[in-house]
């Protein structure tokens, strides 16, 4: 039987502060990666899938992974939840642009009523022209394609950095790369190697992404 939690109890299951856990899932929704179910009054209700995702994020953060890198890897490990159907592509797109379309329309009508009757038609036409110039909302397919392209680019950057890190590790002196096992045998210090690789990626990931996207 599937379990459900509100944020306070859910955070206890994860072992982190509620604000931290809530912040993770807010970012996932803002990036259109994964959405949390809501009750009828709009309160978030976390389930077993959300718990698995949160535990994975917590584990990778302990391994010093950057949040963006963790988020990009989620689609390869989990069957993520899409946005509810009622959240249309149009409202999502205008929200991203910082334009509340419905509020904008209300303000147009309110302004028109305050102007003399002889100018109402002219003013309404002017504001309607502004609305017509707003960019067309992207389709769900276009949004998914852009998200997928972003994920692929981030994965390529991470892979390139990992290859660089491995090469840099292999160039280190042997005494830094190996550990003694018993009296006569030495072997690669895999724990130290992985820590070095993760730190190498985390320190360079943000700058490398900015260069790729020309930010």
C-alpha atoms as a PDB file:
ATOM      1  CA  UNK A   1       0.000   0.000   0.000  1.00  0.00           C
ATOM      2  CA  UNK A   2       1.414   3.352  -1.042  1.00  0.00           C
ATOM      3  CA  UNK A   3       2.241   5.867   1.696  1.00  0.00           C
ATOM      4  CA  UNK A   4       1.596   9.607   1.682  1.00  0.00           C
ATOM      5  CA  UNK A   5       3.143  12.382   3.768  1.00  0.00           C
ATOM      6  CA  UNK A   6       2.837  16.105   4.321  1.00  0.00           C
ATOM      7  CA  UNK A   7       6.091  18.053   4.299  1.00  0.00           C
ATOM      8  CA  UNK A   8       6.879  17.882   8.027  1.00  0.00           C
ATOM      9  CA  UNK A   9       6.530  14.079   8.252  1.00  0.00           C
ATOM     10  CA  UNK A  10       8.057  13.628   4.805  1.00  0.00           C
ATOM     11  CA  UNK A  11      11.195  15.573   5.803  1.00  0.00           C
ATOM     12  CA  UNK A  12      11.605  13.276   8.833  1.00  0.00           C
ATOM     13  CA  UNK A  13      11.567  10.251   6.507  1.00  0.00           C
ATOM     14  CA  UNK A  14      14.301  11.877   4.428  1.00  0.00           C
ATOM     15  CA  UNK A  15      16.291  13.019   7.444  1.00  0.00           C
ATOM     16  CA  UNK A  16      16.564  16.674   6.413  1.00  0.00           C
ATOM     17  CA  UNK A  17      14.987  19.975   7.454  1.00  0.00           C
ATOM     18  CA  UNK A  18      11.542  20.588   5.861  1.00  0.00           C
ATOM     19  CA  UNK A  19      12.753  23.822   4.236  1.00  0.00           C
ATOM     20  CA  UNK A  20      15.613  21.954   2.560  1.00  0.00           C
ATOM     21  CA  UNK A  21      13.393  19.196   1.197  1.00  0.00           C
ATOM     22  CA  UNK A  22      10.684  21.650   0.115  1.00  0.00           C
ATOM     23  CA  UNK A  23      13.363  23.697  -1.671  1.00  0.00           C
ATOM     24  CA  UNK A  24      14.504  20.665  -3.671  1.00  0.00           C
ATOM     25  CA  UNK A  25      11.027  19.927  -4.964  1.00  0.00           C
ATOM     26  CA  UNK A  26      10.262  23.590  -5.677  1.00  0.00           C
ATOM     27  CA  UNK A  27      13.303  23.685  -7.946  1.00  0.00           C
ATOM     28  CA  UNK A  28      12.266  20.432  -9.634  1.00  0.00           C
ATOM     29  CA  UNK A  29       8.857  21.933 -10.421  1.00  0.00           C
ATOM     30  CA  UNK A  30      10.327  25.252 -11.578  1.00  0.00           C
ATOM     31  CA  UNK A  31      12.626  23.344 -13.947  1.00  0.00           C
ATOM     32  CA  UNK A  32       9.655  21.208 -15.139  1.00  0.00           C
ATOM     33  CA  UNK A  33      11.469  18.019 -14.116  1.00  0.00           C
ATOM     34  CA  UNK A  34       9.113  16.492 -11.525  1.00  0.00           C
ATOM     35  CA  UNK A  35       5.856  17.551  -9.851  1.00  0.00           C
ATOM     36  CA  UNK A  36       4.403  16.746  -6.423  1.00  0.00           C
ATOM     37  CA  UNK A  37       0.749  15.755  -6.101  1.00  0.00           C
ATOM     38  CA  UNK A  38      -1.617  18.174  -4.330  1.00  0.00           C
ATOM     39  CA  UNK A  39      -4.649  17.738  -2.089  1.00  0.00           C
ATOM     40  CA  UNK A  40      -7.950  19.400  -3.032  1.00  0.00           C
ATOM     41  CA  UNK A  41      -6.914  22.555  -1.153  1.00  0.00           C
ATOM     42  CA  UNK A  42      -3.570  22.731  -2.968  1.00  0.00           C
ATOM     43  CA  UNK A  43      -1.325  21.312  -0.221  1.00  0.00           C
ATOM     44  CA  UNK A  44       1.586  19.173  -1.420  1.00  0.00           C
ATOM     45  CA  UNK A  45       1.182  15.457  -0.664  1.00  0.00           C
ATOM     46  CA  UNK A  46       4.389  13.438  -1.034  1.00  0.00           C
ATOM     47  CA  UNK A  47       4.315   9.737  -1.965  1.00  0.00           C
ATOM     48  CA  UNK A  48       6.726   6.790  -2.253  1.00  0.00           C
ATOM     49  CA  UNK A  49       8.148   8.055  -5.569  1.00  0.00           C
ATOM     50  CA  UNK A  50       8.876  11.452  -4.029  1.00  0.00           C
ATOM     51  CA  UNK A  51      10.571   9.700  -1.080  1.00  0.00           C
ATOM     52  CA  UNK A  52      12.855   7.699  -3.389  1.00  0.00           C
ATOM     53  CA  UNK A  53      13.784  10.888  -5.261  1.00  0.00           C
ATOM     54  CA  UNK A  54      14.446  12.813  -2.031  1.00  0.00           C
ATOM     55  CA  UNK A  55      16.608  10.012  -0.618  1.00  0.00           C
ATOM     56  CA  UNK A  56      18.601   9.888  -3.848  1.00  0.00           C
ATOM     57  CA  UNK A  57      19.132  13.672  -3.785  1.00  0.00           C
ATOM     58  CA  UNK A  58      20.186  13.501  -0.127  1.00  0.00           C
ATOM     59  CA  UNK A  59      22.646  10.699  -0.850  1.00  0.00           C
ATOM     60  CA  UNK A  60      24.217  12.471  -3.829  1.00  0.00           C
ATOM     61  CA  UNK A  61      24.476  15.757  -1.915  1.00  0.00           C
ATOM     62  CA  UNK A  62      26.402  13.826   0.744  1.00  0.00           C
ATOM     63  CA  UNK A  63      28.691  12.732  -2.108  1.00  0.00           C
ATOM     64  CA  UNK A  64      29.204  16.429  -2.936  1.00  0.00           C
ATOM     65  CA  UNK A  65      27.247  16.376  -6.206  1.00  0.00           C
ATOM     66  CA  UNK A  66      25.912  19.706  -7.483  1.00  0.00           C
ATOM     67  CA  UNK A  67      22.110  19.980  -7.423  1.00  0.00           C
ATOM     68  CA  UNK A  68      21.922  20.604 -11.172  1.00  0.00           C
ATOM     69  CA  UNK A  69      23.902  17.445 -11.845  1.00  0.00           C
ATOM     70  CA  UNK A  70      21.622  15.459  -9.528  1.00  0.00           C
ATOM     71  CA  UNK A  71      18.480  16.864 -11.152  1.00  0.00           C
ATOM     72  CA  UNK A  72      19.786  16.011 -14.621  1.00  0.00           C
ATOM     73  CA  UNK A  73      20.344  12.391 -13.598  1.00  0.00           C
ATOM     74  CA  UNK A  74      16.853  11.845 -12.158  1.00  0.00           C
ATOM     75  CA  UNK A  75      15.196  11.052 -15.490  1.00  0.00           C
ATOM     76  CA  UNK A  76      17.616   8.114 -15.922  1.00  0.00           C
ATOM     77  CA  UNK A  77      16.669   6.601 -12.547  1.00  0.00           C
ATOM     78  CA  UNK A  78      13.009   7.416 -11.921  1.00  0.00           C
ATOM     79  CA  UNK A  79       9.674   7.553 -13.733  1.00  0.00           C
ATOM     80  CA  UNK A  80       9.182  11.259 -13.081  1.00  0.00           C
ATOM     81  CA  UNK A  81       5.771  12.889 -12.766  1.00  0.00           C
ATOM     82  CA  UNK A  82       4.690  15.484 -15.349  1.00  0.00           C
ATOM     83  CA  UNK A  83       2.738  18.655 -14.626  1.00  0.00           C
ATOM     84  CA  UNK A  84      -1.045  18.268 -14.126  1.00  0.00           C
ATOM     85  CA  UNK A  85      -3.116  18.528 -17.316  1.00  0.00           C
ATOM     86  CA  UNK A  86      -4.923  21.643 -16.137  1.00  0.00           C
ATOM     87  CA  UNK A  87      -1.671  23.595 -16.128  1.00  0.00           C
ATOM     88  CA  UNK A  88      -1.726  24.478 -19.780  1.00  0.00           C
ATOM     89  CA  UNK A  89       1.238  25.296 -21.939  1.00  0.00           C
ATOM     90  CA  UNK A  90       0.019  28.870 -22.360  1.00  0.00           C
ATOM     91  CA  UNK A  91      -0.148  29.704 -18.655  1.00  0.00           C
ATOM     92  CA  UNK A  92       3.245  28.057 -18.078  1.00  0.00           C
ATOM     93  CA  UNK A  93       4.873  30.037 -20.860  1.00  0.00           C
ATOM     94  CA  UNK A  94       3.450  33.420 -19.853  1.00  0.00           C
ATOM     95  CA  UNK A  95       4.355  32.683 -16.235  1.00  0.00           C
ATOM     96  CA  UNK A  96       7.952  32.127 -17.345  1.00  0.00           C
ATOM     97  CA  UNK A  97       7.878  35.477 -19.129  1.00  0.00           C
ATOM     98  CA  UNK A  98       6.639  37.167 -15.950  1.00  0.00           C
ATOM     99  CA  UNK A  99       3.279  38.046 -17.553  1.00  0.00           C
ATOM    100  CA  UNK A 100       0.011  37.174 -15.784  1.00  0.00           C
ATOM    101  CA  UNK A 101      -2.247  37.148 -18.823  1.00  0.00           C
ATOM    102  CA  UNK A 102      -5.555  37.095 -16.932  1.00  0.00           C
ATOM    103  CA  UNK A 103      -4.511  39.929 -14.624  1.00  0.00           C
ATOM    104  CA  UNK A 104      -3.300  41.861 -17.627  1.00  0.00           C
ATOM    105  CA  UNK A 105      -6.738  41.579 -19.231  1.00  0.00           C
ATOM    106  CA  UNK A 106      -8.458  42.725 -16.023  1.00  0.00           C
ATOM    107  CA  UNK A 107      -6.233  45.793 -15.855  1.00  0.00           C
ATOM    108  CA  UNK A 108      -7.042  46.599 -19.474  1.00  0.00           C
ATOM    109  CA  UNK A 109     -10.786  46.577 -18.819  1.00  0.00           C
ATOM    110  CA  UNK A 110     -10.454  48.594 -15.614  1.00  0.00           C
ATOM    111  CA  UNK A 111      -8.419  51.255 -17.376  1.00  0.00           C
ATOM    112  CA  UNK A 112     -10.926  51.417 -20.225  1.00  0.00           C
ATOM    113  CA  UNK A 113     -13.828  52.099 -17.837  1.00  0.00           C
ATOM    114  CA  UNK A 114     -12.036  55.072 -16.295  1.00  0.00           C
ATOM    115  CA  UNK A 115     -11.568  56.802 -19.634  1.00  0.00           C
ATOM    116  CA  UNK A 116     -14.197  58.977 -21.283  1.00  0.00           C
ATOM    117  CA  UNK A 117     -16.705  57.066 -23.433  1.00  0.00           C
ATOM    118  CA  UNK A 118     -15.413  58.692 -26.593  1.00  0.00           C
ATOM    119  CA  UNK A 119     -11.972  57.132 -26.073  1.00  0.00           C
ATOM    120  CA  UNK A 120     -12.921  53.656 -24.861  1.00  0.00           C
ATOM    121  CA  UNK A 121     -12.818  52.015 -28.267  1.00  0.00           C
ATOM    122  CA  UNK A 122      -9.444  53.537 -29.136  1.00  0.00           C
ATOM    123  CA  UNK A 123      -7.860  52.532 -25.812  1.00  0.00           C
ATOM    124  CA  UNK A 124      -9.167  48.960 -26.004  1.00  0.00           C
ATOM    125  CA  UNK A 125      -7.725  48.621 -29.501  1.00  0.00           C
ATOM    126  CA  UNK A 126      -4.343  49.817 -28.261  1.00  0.00           C
ATOM    127  CA  UNK A 127      -4.230  47.277 -25.438  1.00  0.00           C
ATOM    128  CA  UNK A 128      -5.491  44.487 -27.683  1.00  0.00           C
ATOM    129  CA  UNK A 129      -2.627  45.279 -30.036  1.00  0.00           C
ATOM    130  CA  UNK A 130      -0.214  44.835 -27.124  1.00  0.00           C
ATOM    131  CA  UNK A 131      -1.685  41.412 -26.330  1.00  0.00           C
ATOM    132  CA  UNK A 132      -1.401  40.401 -29.993  1.00  0.00           C
ATOM    133  CA  UNK A 133       2.322  41.198 -29.884  1.00  0.00           C
ATOM    134  CA  UNK A 134       2.987  38.858 -26.971  1.00  0.00           C
ATOM    135  CA  UNK A 135       5.001  35.809 -28.073  1.00  0.00           C
ATOM    136  CA  UNK A 136       3.073  32.679 -28.952  1.00  0.00           C
ATOM    137  CA  UNK A 137       3.237  30.090 -26.157  1.00  0.00           C
ATOM    138  CA  UNK A 138       5.406  27.074 -26.832  1.00  0.00           C
ATOM    139  CA  UNK A 139       3.784  23.688 -27.267  1.00  0.00           C
ATOM    140  CA  UNK A 140       4.372  20.916 -24.746  1.00  0.00           C
ATOM    141  CA  UNK A 141       6.397  19.086 -27.381  1.00  0.00           C
ATOM    142  CA  UNK A 142       8.691  22.109 -27.846  1.00  0.00           C
ATOM    143  CA  UNK A 143       9.131  22.482 -24.095  1.00  0.00           C
ATOM    144  CA  UNK A 144       9.939  18.776 -23.702  1.00  0.00           C
ATOM    145  CA  UNK A 145      12.409  18.969 -26.600  1.00  0.00           C
ATOM    146  CA  UNK A 146      14.187  21.963 -25.038  1.00  0.00           C
ATOM    147  CA  UNK A 147      14.350  20.224 -21.639  1.00  0.00           C
ATOM    148  CA  UNK A 148      15.727  17.067 -23.228  1.00  0.00           C
ATOM    149  CA  UNK A 149      18.357  19.049 -25.167  1.00  0.00           C
ATOM    150  CA  UNK A 150      19.388  20.814 -21.955  1.00  0.00           C
ATOM    151  CA  UNK A 151      19.690  17.485 -20.124  1.00  0.00           C
ATOM    152  CA  UNK A 152      21.785  15.997 -22.933  1.00  0.00           C
ATOM    153  CA  UNK A 153      24.144  18.998 -22.956  1.00  0.00           C
ATOM    154  CA  UNK A 154      24.564  18.861 -19.177  1.00  0.00           C
ATOM    155  CA  UNK A 155      25.281  15.138 -19.327  1.00  0.00           C
ATOM    156  CA  UNK A 156      27.902  15.699 -22.030  1.00  0.00           C
ATOM    157  CA  UNK A 157      29.563  18.390 -19.922  1.00  0.00           C
ATOM    158  CA  UNK A 158      29.584  16.100 -16.896  1.00  0.00           C
ATOM    159  CA  UNK A 159      31.014  13.224 -18.963  1.00  0.00           C
ATOM    160  CA  UNK A 160      33.753  15.465 -20.375  1.00  0.00           C
ATOM    161  CA  UNK A 161      34.658  16.721 -16.908  1.00  0.00           C
ATOM    162  CA  UNK A 162      34.758  13.169 -15.584  1.00  0.00           C
ATOM    163  CA  UNK A 163      37.141  12.142 -18.359  1.00  0.00           C
ATOM    164  CA  UNK A 164      39.333  15.149 -17.560  1.00  0.00           C
ATOM    165  CA  UNK A 165      39.235  14.267 -13.861  1.00  0.00           C
ATOM    166  CA  UNK A 166      40.256  10.650 -14.506  1.00  0.00           C
ATOM    167  CA  UNK A 167      43.130  11.810 -16.690  1.00  0.00           C
ATOM    168  CA  UNK A 168      44.234  14.297 -14.024  1.00  0.00           C
ATOM    169  CA  UNK A 169      44.004  11.587 -11.349  1.00  0.00           C
ATOM    170  CA  UNK A 170      46.120   9.184 -13.388  1.00  0.00           C
ATOM    171  CA  UNK A 171      48.819  11.852 -13.700  1.00  0.00           C
ATOM    172  CA  UNK A 172      49.189  12.073  -9.927  1.00  0.00           C
ATOM    173  CA  UNK A 173      52.183  10.403  -8.280  1.00  0.00           C
ATOM    174  CA  UNK A 174      51.649   6.738  -7.454  1.00  0.00           C
ATOM    175  CA  UNK A 175      51.913   7.342  -3.705  1.00  0.00           C
ATOM    176  CA  UNK A 176      48.825   9.615  -3.928  1.00  0.00           C
ATOM    177  CA  UNK A 177      46.775   7.151  -6.000  1.00  0.00           C
ATOM    178  CA  UNK A 178      47.385   3.801  -4.351  1.00  0.00           C
ATOM    179  CA  UNK A 179      47.089   2.361  -0.894  1.00  0.00           C
ATOM    180  CA  UNK A 180      48.882  -0.567   0.703  1.00  0.00           C
ATOM    181  CA  UNK A 181      46.902  -3.764   1.155  1.00  0.00           C
ATOM    182  CA  UNK A 182      48.731  -6.113   3.457  1.00  0.00           C
ATOM    183  CA  UNK A 183      52.529  -6.178   3.511  1.00  0.00           C
ATOM    184  CA  UNK A 184      53.316  -6.797  -0.138  1.00  0.00           C
ATOM    185  CA  UNK A 185      50.428  -5.569  -2.267  1.00  0.00           C
ATOM    186  CA  UNK A 186      49.181  -2.158  -3.365  1.00  0.00           C
ATOM    187  CA  UNK A 187      45.967  -1.247  -5.163  1.00  0.00           C
ATOM    188  CA  UNK A 188      44.161   1.823  -6.495  1.00  0.00           C
ATOM    189  CA  UNK A 189      42.515   3.876  -3.743  1.00  0.00           C
ATOM    190  CA  UNK A 190      39.056   3.858  -5.363  1.00  0.00           C
ATOM    191  CA  UNK A 191      37.363   5.838  -2.606  1.00  0.00           C
ATOM    192  CA  UNK A 192      39.932   8.616  -2.813  1.00  0.00           C
ATOM    193  CA  UNK A 193      39.756   8.477  -6.629  1.00  0.00           C
ATOM    194  CA  UNK A 194      35.972   8.934  -6.693  1.00  0.00           C
ATOM    195  CA  UNK A 195      36.168  11.785  -4.178  1.00  0.00           C
ATOM    196  CA  UNK A 196      38.760  13.527  -6.358  1.00  0.00           C
ATOM    197  CA  UNK A 197      36.608  13.085  -9.494  1.00  0.00           C
ATOM    198  CA  UNK A 198      33.431  14.411  -7.823  1.00  0.00           C
ATOM    199  CA  UNK A 199      35.277  17.439  -6.440  1.00  0.00           C
ATOM    200  CA  UNK A 200      36.837  18.124  -9.860  1.00  0.00           C
ATOM    201  CA  UNK A 201      33.392  18.046 -11.521  1.00  0.00           C
ATOM    202  CA  UNK A 202      31.641  20.137  -8.861  1.00  0.00           C
ATOM    203  CA  UNK A 203      34.307  22.869  -8.956  1.00  0.00           C
ATOM    204  CA  UNK A 204      34.134  23.259 -12.750  1.00  0.00           C
ATOM    205  CA  UNK A 205      30.582  22.295 -13.699  1.00  0.00           C
ATOM    206  CA  UNK A 206      28.944  25.730 -13.338  1.00  0.00           C
ATOM    207  CA  UNK A 207      31.641  27.602 -15.303  1.00  0.00           C
ATOM    208  CA  UNK A 208      31.661  24.949 -18.041  1.00  0.00           C
ATOM    209  CA  UNK A 209      27.866  25.095 -18.410  1.00  0.00           C
ATOM    210  CA  UNK A 210      28.002  28.909 -18.654  1.00  0.00           C
ATOM    211  CA  UNK A 211      30.536  28.629 -21.462  1.00  0.00           C
ATOM    212  CA  UNK A 212      28.421  26.088 -23.344  1.00  0.00           C
ATOM    213  CA  UNK A 213      25.265  28.213 -23.081  1.00  0.00           C
ATOM    214  CA  UNK A 214      27.284  31.445 -23.582  1.00  0.00           C
ATOM    215  CA  UNK A 215      25.981  32.976 -20.348  1.00  0.00           C
END
